Amino acid sequence: MPFGAGRFDLVLSLLSLHWVNDLPGALAQINRSLKPDGLFLGCLLGGDTLSELRAAWMAAEIEVEGGASPRVSPFVDVRDAGALLQRAGFALPVVDSDVIRVSYGDPLSLMRDLRWMGESNAVRTRRTGFTRRQTLMRAAEIYVERFGRDGRLPATFQVITLTGWHPDQIAQPQPLRPGSGQQSLADVLGRPPKETD
């Protein structure tokens, strides 16, 4: 990033980080560009995104062409996202996931929308030649066979929200030493503690 260290109070990223080749490096640069106690808030597509489309393409390619290639760009897994924030040096990292399901009348409409959104496959190892018509039509058939309901086809989008703060020893709350608590959680919740053997 072409910005100096400690330049911003807030950095926002909306559905663009899944296109970054070096996500750990990008997050580290974002953290570096924040002032102490500065906030990073980002959303990116997660690993469950377009799971139906990926399954249909893989099955069609194996059936028609005898092998599969990546047809959908890879996405970060929600479990890995928190580790990436910690690796980049963010304090108080929080990762949240929302699943949004939309429906289409046919798979080709979904594929056309993805292309218009600029979300087509950019994986370097993808096939660069034209897709066989037979493979495309078989992928559409498999999508309908496996996932079609009441004349509609679901398309899943997982949106992962990342929140992290640039470390600040003065302004941010610091964790207490383990075992230094003064009150029992069972007392706070009003429940008797479980008997253990």
C-alpha atoms as a PDB file:
ATOM      1  CA  MET A   1       0.000   0.000   0.000  1.00  0.00           C
ATOM      2  CA  PRO A   2       1.391   3.396  -0.891  1.00  0.00           C
ATOM      3  CA  PHE A   3       0.696   4.921   2.537  1.00  0.00           C
ATOM      4  CA  GLY A   4       3.006   5.672   5.409  1.00  0.00           C
ATOM      5  CA  ALA A   5       2.894   4.055   8.833  1.00  0.00           C
ATOM      6  CA  GLY A   6       0.329   5.375  11.302  1.00  0.00           C
ATOM      7  CA  ARG A   7      -1.528   7.389   8.678  1.00  0.00           C
ATOM      8  CA  PHE A   8      -5.189   6.442   9.195  1.00  0.00           C
ATOM      9  CA  ASP A   9      -7.708   6.191  12.037  1.00  0.00           C
ATOM     10  CA  LEU A  10      -9.886   3.823   9.993  1.00  0.00           C
ATOM     11  CA  VAL A  11      -9.378   1.495   7.027  1.00  0.00           C
ATOM     12  CA  LEU A  12     -12.413  -0.069   5.332  1.00  0.00           C
ATOM     13  CA  SER A  13     -12.472  -2.790   2.702  1.00  0.00           C
ATOM     14  CA  LEU A  14     -15.704  -3.936   1.120  1.00  0.00           C
ATOM     15  CA  LEU A  15     -15.630  -7.179  -0.901  1.00  0.00           C
ATOM     16  CA  SER A  16     -12.226  -6.659  -2.488  1.00  0.00           C
ATOM     17  CA  LEU A  17      -9.774  -8.580  -0.291  1.00  0.00           C
ATOM     18  CA  HIS A  18     -10.722 -11.941  -1.798  1.00  0.00           C
ATOM     19  CA  TRP A  19      -8.936 -10.768  -4.971  1.00  0.00           C
ATOM     20  CA  VAL A  20      -5.629 -10.117  -3.188  1.00  0.00           C
ATOM     21  CA  ASN A  21      -2.873 -12.622  -3.991  1.00  0.00           C
ATOM     22  CA  ASP A  22      -1.035 -12.037  -0.695  1.00  0.00           C
ATOM     23  CA  LEU A  23      -3.780 -11.625   1.894  1.00  0.00           C
ATOM     24  CA  PRO A  24      -1.470 -11.948   4.948  1.00  0.00           C
ATOM     25  CA  GLY A  25       0.804  -9.263   3.461  1.00  0.00           C
ATOM     26  CA  ALA A  26      -2.107  -6.961   2.637  1.00  0.00           C
ATOM     27  CA  LEU A  27      -3.494  -7.250   6.175  1.00  0.00           C
ATOM     28  CA  ALA A  28      -0.053  -6.509   7.650  1.00  0.00           C
ATOM     29  CA  GLN A  29       0.232  -3.388   5.461  1.00  0.00           C
ATOM     30  CA  ILE A  30      -3.260  -2.264   6.487  1.00  0.00           C
ATOM     31  CA  ASN A  31      -2.308  -2.684  10.152  1.00  0.00           C
ATOM     32  CA  ARG A  32       0.922  -0.726   9.601  1.00  0.00           C
ATOM     33  CA  SER A  33      -1.015   2.135   8.001  1.00  0.00           C
ATOM     34  CA  LEU A  34      -3.295   2.525  11.054  1.00  0.00           C
ATOM     35  CA  LYS A  35      -2.647   4.925  13.928  1.00  0.00           C
ATOM     36  CA  PRO A  36      -2.527   3.435  17.443  1.00  0.00           C
ATOM     37  CA  ASP A  37      -6.027   2.179  18.333  1.00  0.00           C
ATOM     38  CA  GLY A  38      -7.043   2.627  14.671  1.00  0.00           C
ATOM     39  CA  LEU A  39      -9.753   0.310  13.353  1.00  0.00           C
ATOM     40  CA  PHE A  40      -9.746  -2.018  10.365  1.00  0.00           C
ATOM     41  CA  LEU A  41     -13.137  -3.243   9.168  1.00  0.00           C
ATOM     42  CA  GLY A  42     -13.325  -5.450   6.099  1.00  0.00           C
ATOM     43  CA  CYS A  43     -15.724  -7.797   4.351  1.00  0.00           C
ATOM     44  CA  LEU A  44     -14.716 -10.506   1.914  1.00  0.00           C
ATOM     45  CA  LEU A  45     -16.281 -13.572   0.386  1.00  0.00           C
ATOM     46  CA  GLY A  46     -15.691 -16.750   2.370  1.00  0.00           C
ATOM     47  CA  GLY A  47     -15.071 -20.406   1.616  1.00  0.00           C
ATOM     48  CA  ASP A  48     -18.736 -21.459   1.399  1.00  0.00           C
ATOM     49  CA  THR A  49     -19.388 -18.978  -1.403  1.00  0.00           C
ATOM     50  CA  LEU A  50     -20.803 -20.561  -4.581  1.00  0.00           C
ATOM     51  CA  SER A  51     -20.464 -24.083  -3.173  1.00  0.00           C
ATOM     52  CA  GLU A  52     -23.299 -25.291  -5.410  1.00  0.00           C
ATOM     53  CA  LEU A  53     -21.692 -23.910  -8.561  1.00  0.00           C
ATOM     54  CA  ARG A  54     -18.294 -25.365  -7.678  1.00  0.00           C
ATOM     55  CA  ALA A  55     -19.796 -28.817  -7.062  1.00  0.00           C
ATOM     56  CA  ALA A  56     -21.704 -28.749 -10.361  1.00  0.00           C
ATOM     57  CA  TRP A  57     -18.666 -27.659 -12.386  1.00  0.00           C
ATOM     58  CA  MET A  58     -16.396 -30.231 -10.780  1.00  0.00           C
ATOM     59  CA  ALA A  59     -18.834 -33.090 -11.403  1.00  0.00           C
ATOM     60  CA  ALA A  60     -19.421 -32.003 -15.024  1.00  0.00           C
ATOM     61  CA  GLU A  61     -15.728 -31.685 -15.837  1.00  0.00           C
ATOM     62  CA  ILE A  62     -14.894 -35.057 -14.319  1.00  0.00           C
ATOM     63  CA  GLU A  63     -17.767 -36.684 -16.205  1.00  0.00           C
ATOM     64  CA  VAL A  64     -17.221 -35.018 -19.598  1.00  0.00           C
ATOM     65  CA  GLU A  65     -13.485 -34.278 -19.672  1.00  0.00           C
ATOM     66  CA  GLY A  66     -12.052 -36.813 -17.251  1.00  0.00           C
ATOM     67  CA  GLY A  67     -10.608 -34.230 -14.847  1.00  0.00           C
ATOM     68  CA  ALA A  68     -11.386 -30.960 -13.097  1.00  0.00           C
ATOM     69  CA  SER A  69      -9.818 -27.518 -13.000  1.00  0.00           C
ATOM     70  CA  PRO A  70     -10.570 -24.560 -10.710  1.00  0.00           C
ATOM     71  CA  ARG A  71     -13.667 -22.805 -12.044  1.00  0.00           C
ATOM     72  CA  VAL A  72     -14.309 -20.532  -9.069  1.00  0.00           C
ATOM     73  CA  SER A  73     -11.662 -18.436  -7.336  1.00  0.00           C
ATOM     74  CA  PRO A  74     -10.589 -19.769  -3.929  1.00  0.00           C
ATOM     75  CA  PHE A  75     -11.937 -18.015  -0.852  1.00  0.00           C
ATOM     76  CA  VAL A  76     -10.624 -17.817   2.708  1.00  0.00           C
ATOM     77  CA  ASP A  77     -12.108 -20.125   5.317  1.00  0.00           C
ATOM     78  CA  VAL A  78     -13.739 -18.364   8.271  1.00  0.00           C
ATOM     79  CA  ARG A  79     -11.507 -20.268  10.734  1.00  0.00           C
ATOM     80  CA  ASP A  80      -8.380 -19.055   8.939  1.00  0.00           C
ATOM     81  CA  ALA A  81      -9.527 -15.419   8.810  1.00  0.00           C
ATOM     82  CA  GLY A  82      -9.014 -14.864  12.538  1.00  0.00           C
ATOM     83  CA  ALA A  83      -5.564 -16.418  12.385  1.00  0.00           C
ATOM     84  CA  LEU A  84      -4.690 -14.077   9.505  1.00  0.00           C
ATOM     85  CA  LEU A  85      -5.712 -11.048  11.580  1.00  0.00           C
ATOM     86  CA  GLN A  86      -3.555 -12.228  14.475  1.00  0.00           C
ATOM     87  CA  ARG A  87      -0.640 -12.979  12.162  1.00  0.00           C
ATOM     88  CA  ALA A  88      -0.899  -9.434  10.782  1.00  0.00           C
ATOM     89  CA  GLY A  89      -0.547  -8.069  14.320  1.00  0.00           C
ATOM     90  CA  PHE A  90      -4.089  -6.804  14.937  1.00  0.00           C
ATOM     91  CA  ALA A  91      -5.294  -6.485  18.521  1.00  0.00           C
ATOM     92  CA  LEU A  92      -8.747  -7.649  19.608  1.00  0.00           C
ATOM     93  CA  PRO A  93      -9.481  -9.472  16.316  1.00  0.00           C
ATOM     94  CA  VAL A  94     -13.077 -10.478  15.627  1.00  0.00           C
ATOM     95  CA  VAL A  95     -14.342 -12.533  12.695  1.00  0.00           C
ATOM     96  CA  ASP A  96     -18.014 -12.917  11.861  1.00  0.00           C
ATOM     97  CA  SER A  97     -19.733 -14.806   9.076  1.00  0.00           C
ATOM     98  CA  ASP A  98     -23.063 -14.258   7.354  1.00  0.00           C
ATOM     99  CA  VAL A  99     -24.539 -16.595   4.770  1.00  0.00           C
ATOM    100  CA  ILE A 100     -26.692 -15.020   2.084  1.00  0.00           C
ATOM    101  CA  ARG A 101     -28.677 -17.263  -0.235  1.00  0.00           C
ATOM    102  CA  VAL A 102     -30.133 -15.907  -3.426  1.00  0.00           C
ATOM    103  CA  SER A 103     -32.022 -17.837  -6.050  1.00  0.00           C
ATOM    104  CA  TYR A 104     -31.943 -17.940  -9.820  1.00  0.00           C
ATOM    105  CA  GLY A 105     -34.185 -19.364 -12.493  1.00  0.00           C
ATOM    106  CA  ASP A 106     -31.282 -21.094 -14.239  1.00  0.00           C
ATOM    107  CA  PRO A 107     -27.524 -21.601 -13.748  1.00  0.00           C
ATOM    108  CA  LEU A 108     -26.562 -19.592 -16.831  1.00  0.00           C
ATOM    109  CA  SER A 109     -28.191 -16.484 -15.332  1.00  0.00           C
ATOM    110  CA  LEU A 110     -26.060 -16.918 -12.209  1.00  0.00           C
ATOM    111  CA  MET A 111     -22.883 -17.318 -14.288  1.00  0.00           C
ATOM    112  CA  ARG A 112     -23.784 -14.254 -16.355  1.00  0.00           C
ATOM    113  CA  ASP A 113     -24.362 -12.175 -13.184  1.00  0.00           C
ATOM    114  CA  LEU A 114     -21.008 -13.283 -11.771  1.00  0.00           C
ATOM    115  CA  ARG A 115     -19.265 -12.174 -14.953  1.00  0.00           C
ATOM    116  CA  TRP A 116     -21.062  -8.795 -14.903  1.00  0.00           C
ATOM    117  CA  MET A 117     -20.080  -8.351 -11.245  1.00  0.00           C
ATOM    118  CA  GLY A 118     -16.441  -8.899 -12.201  1.00  0.00           C
ATOM    119  CA  GLU A 119     -16.367 -12.054 -10.075  1.00  0.00           C
ATOM    120  CA  SER A 120     -15.260 -14.495 -12.739  1.00  0.00           C
ATOM    121  CA  ASN A 121     -12.343 -16.846 -12.138  1.00  0.00           C
ATOM    122  CA  ALA A 122      -8.907 -15.212 -12.027  1.00  0.00           C
ATOM    123  CA  VAL A 123      -6.905 -18.217 -10.827  1.00  0.00           C
ATOM    124  CA  ARG A 124      -3.638 -18.425 -12.750  1.00  0.00           C
ATOM    125  CA  THR A 125      -3.894 -22.226 -13.099  1.00  0.00           C
ATOM    126  CA  ARG A 126      -7.393 -22.093 -14.590  1.00  0.00           C
ATOM    127  CA  ARG A 127      -8.025 -23.332 -18.092  1.00  0.00           C
ATOM    128  CA  THR A 128      -7.541 -20.505 -20.528  1.00  0.00           C
ATOM    129  CA  GLY A 129      -9.188 -22.020 -23.585  1.00  0.00           C
ATOM    130  CA  PHE A 130     -12.850 -21.948 -24.426  1.00  0.00           C
ATOM    131  CA  THR A 131     -15.158 -24.084 -22.297  1.00  0.00           C
ATOM    132  CA  ARG A 132     -16.659 -27.023 -24.126  1.00  0.00           C
ATOM    133  CA  ARG A 133     -20.361 -26.538 -24.748  1.00  0.00           C
ATOM    134  CA  GLN A 134     -21.022 -30.096 -23.572  1.00  0.00           C
ATOM    135  CA  THR A 135     -19.265 -29.404 -20.251  1.00  0.00           C
ATOM    136  CA  LEU A 136     -21.153 -26.135 -19.737  1.00  0.00           C
ATOM    137  CA  MET A 137     -24.523 -27.739 -20.456  1.00  0.00           C
ATOM    138  CA  ARG A 138     -23.735 -30.718 -18.216  1.00  0.00           C
ATOM    139  CA  ALA A 139     -22.705 -28.384 -15.368  1.00  0.00           C
ATOM    140  CA  ALA A 140     -26.038 -26.567 -15.728  1.00  0.00           C
ATOM    141  CA  GLU A 141     -27.924 -29.891 -15.694  1.00  0.00           C
ATOM    142  CA  ILE A 142     -26.088 -31.111 -12.597  1.00  0.00           C
ATOM    143  CA  TYR A 143     -26.778 -27.801 -10.833  1.00  0.00           C
ATOM    144  CA  VAL A 144     -30.502 -28.204 -11.482  1.00  0.00           C
ATOM    145  CA  GLU A 145     -30.525 -31.924 -10.584  1.00  0.00           C
ATOM    146  CA  ARG A 146     -28.669 -31.538  -7.287  1.00  0.00           C
ATOM    147  CA  PHE A 147     -29.817 -28.166  -6.027  1.00  0.00           C
ATOM    148  CA  GLY A 148     -33.039 -27.187  -7.829  1.00  0.00           C
ATOM    149  CA  ARG A 149     -36.138 -26.662  -5.700  1.00  0.00           C
ATOM    150  CA  ASP A 150     -39.542 -25.461  -6.872  1.00  0.00           C
ATOM    151  CA  GLY A 151     -38.124 -24.220 -10.167  1.00  0.00           C
ATOM    152  CA  ARG A 152     -35.442 -22.086  -8.489  1.00  0.00           C
ATOM    153  CA  LEU A 153     -31.716 -22.617  -7.916  1.00  0.00           C
ATOM    154  CA  PRO A 154     -29.951 -21.455  -4.740  1.00  0.00           C
ATOM    155  CA  ALA A 155     -26.617 -19.659  -4.830  1.00  0.00           C
ATOM    156  CA  THR A 156     -24.775 -19.295  -1.518  1.00  0.00           C
ATOM    157  CA  PHE A 157     -22.595 -16.312  -0.680  1.00  0.00           C
ATOM    158  CA  GLN A 158     -20.667 -16.330   2.596  1.00  0.00           C
ATOM    159  CA  VAL A 159     -19.608 -12.846   3.691  1.00  0.00           C
ATOM    160  CA  ILE A 160     -16.845 -12.788   6.296  1.00  0.00           C
ATOM    161  CA  THR A 161     -16.483  -9.602   8.318  1.00  0.00           C
ATOM    162  CA  LEU A 162     -13.046  -8.874   9.799  1.00  0.00           C
ATOM    163  CA  THR A 163     -12.510  -6.417  12.625  1.00  0.00           C
ATOM    164  CA  GLY A 164      -9.135  -5.601  14.130  1.00  0.00           C
ATOM    165  CA  TRP A 165      -7.483  -2.739  15.987  1.00  0.00           C
ATOM    166  CA  HIS A 166      -3.954  -1.449  15.685  1.00  0.00           C
ATOM    167  CA  PRO A 167      -2.326  -2.205  19.054  1.00  0.00           C
ATOM    168  CA  ASP A 168      -2.298   0.579  21.649  1.00  0.00           C
ATOM    169  CA  GLN A 169      -1.096  -0.232  25.182  1.00  0.00           C
ATOM    170  CA  ILE A 170      -2.792   2.832  26.672  1.00  0.00           C
ATOM    171  CA  ALA A 171      -6.239   3.118  25.052  1.00  0.00           C
ATOM    172  CA  GLN A 172      -7.146  -0.562  24.593  1.00  0.00           C
ATOM    173  CA  PRO A 173      -8.332  -2.885  27.319  1.00  0.00           C
ATOM    174  CA  GLN A 174      -5.682  -5.417  28.314  1.00  0.00           C
ATOM    175  CA  PRO A 175      -6.443  -8.992  29.364  1.00  0.00           C
ATOM    176  CA  LEU A 176      -5.978  -9.927  32.999  1.00  0.00           C
ATOM    177  CA  ARG A 177      -3.583 -12.640  34.089  1.00  0.00           C
ATOM    178  CA  PRO A 178      -5.162 -16.106  34.014  1.00  0.00           C
ATOM    179  CA  GLY A 179      -6.547 -16.991  37.447  1.00  0.00           C
ATOM    180  CA  SER A 180      -6.780 -13.368  38.632  1.00  0.00           C
ATOM    181  CA  GLY A 181     -10.605 -13.245  38.493  1.00  0.00           C
ATOM    182  CA  GLN A 182     -12.361 -12.256  41.713  1.00  0.00           C
ATOM    183  CA  GLN A 183     -15.878 -13.514  40.944  1.00  0.00           C
ATOM    184  CA  SER A 184     -17.185 -16.890  39.825  1.00  0.00           C
ATOM    185  CA  LEU A 185     -18.910 -17.024  36.465  1.00  0.00           C
ATOM    186  CA  ALA A 186     -21.435 -19.460  37.979  1.00  0.00           C
ATOM    187  CA  ASP A 187     -22.376 -16.774  40.549  1.00  0.00           C
ATOM    188  CA  VAL A 188     -22.829 -14.135  37.856  1.00  0.00           C
ATOM    189  CA  LEU A 189     -25.035 -16.416  35.779  1.00  0.00           C
ATOM    190  CA  GLY A 190     -27.007 -17.541  38.812  1.00  0.00           C
ATOM    191  CA  ARG A 191     -26.348 -21.219  38.162  1.00  0.00           C
ATOM    192  CA  PRO A 192     -24.888 -23.719  40.607  1.00  0.00           C
ATOM    193  CA  PRO A 193     -21.463 -25.029  39.538  1.00  0.00           C
ATOM    194  CA  LYS A 194     -21.422 -28.539  38.073  1.00  0.00           C
ATOM    195  CA  GLU A 195     -20.172 -31.349  40.270  1.00  0.00           C
ATOM    196  CA  THR A 196     -16.978 -32.907  38.929  1.00  0.00           C
ATOM    197  CA  ASP A 197     -15.456 -36.236  39.904  1.00  0.00           C
END
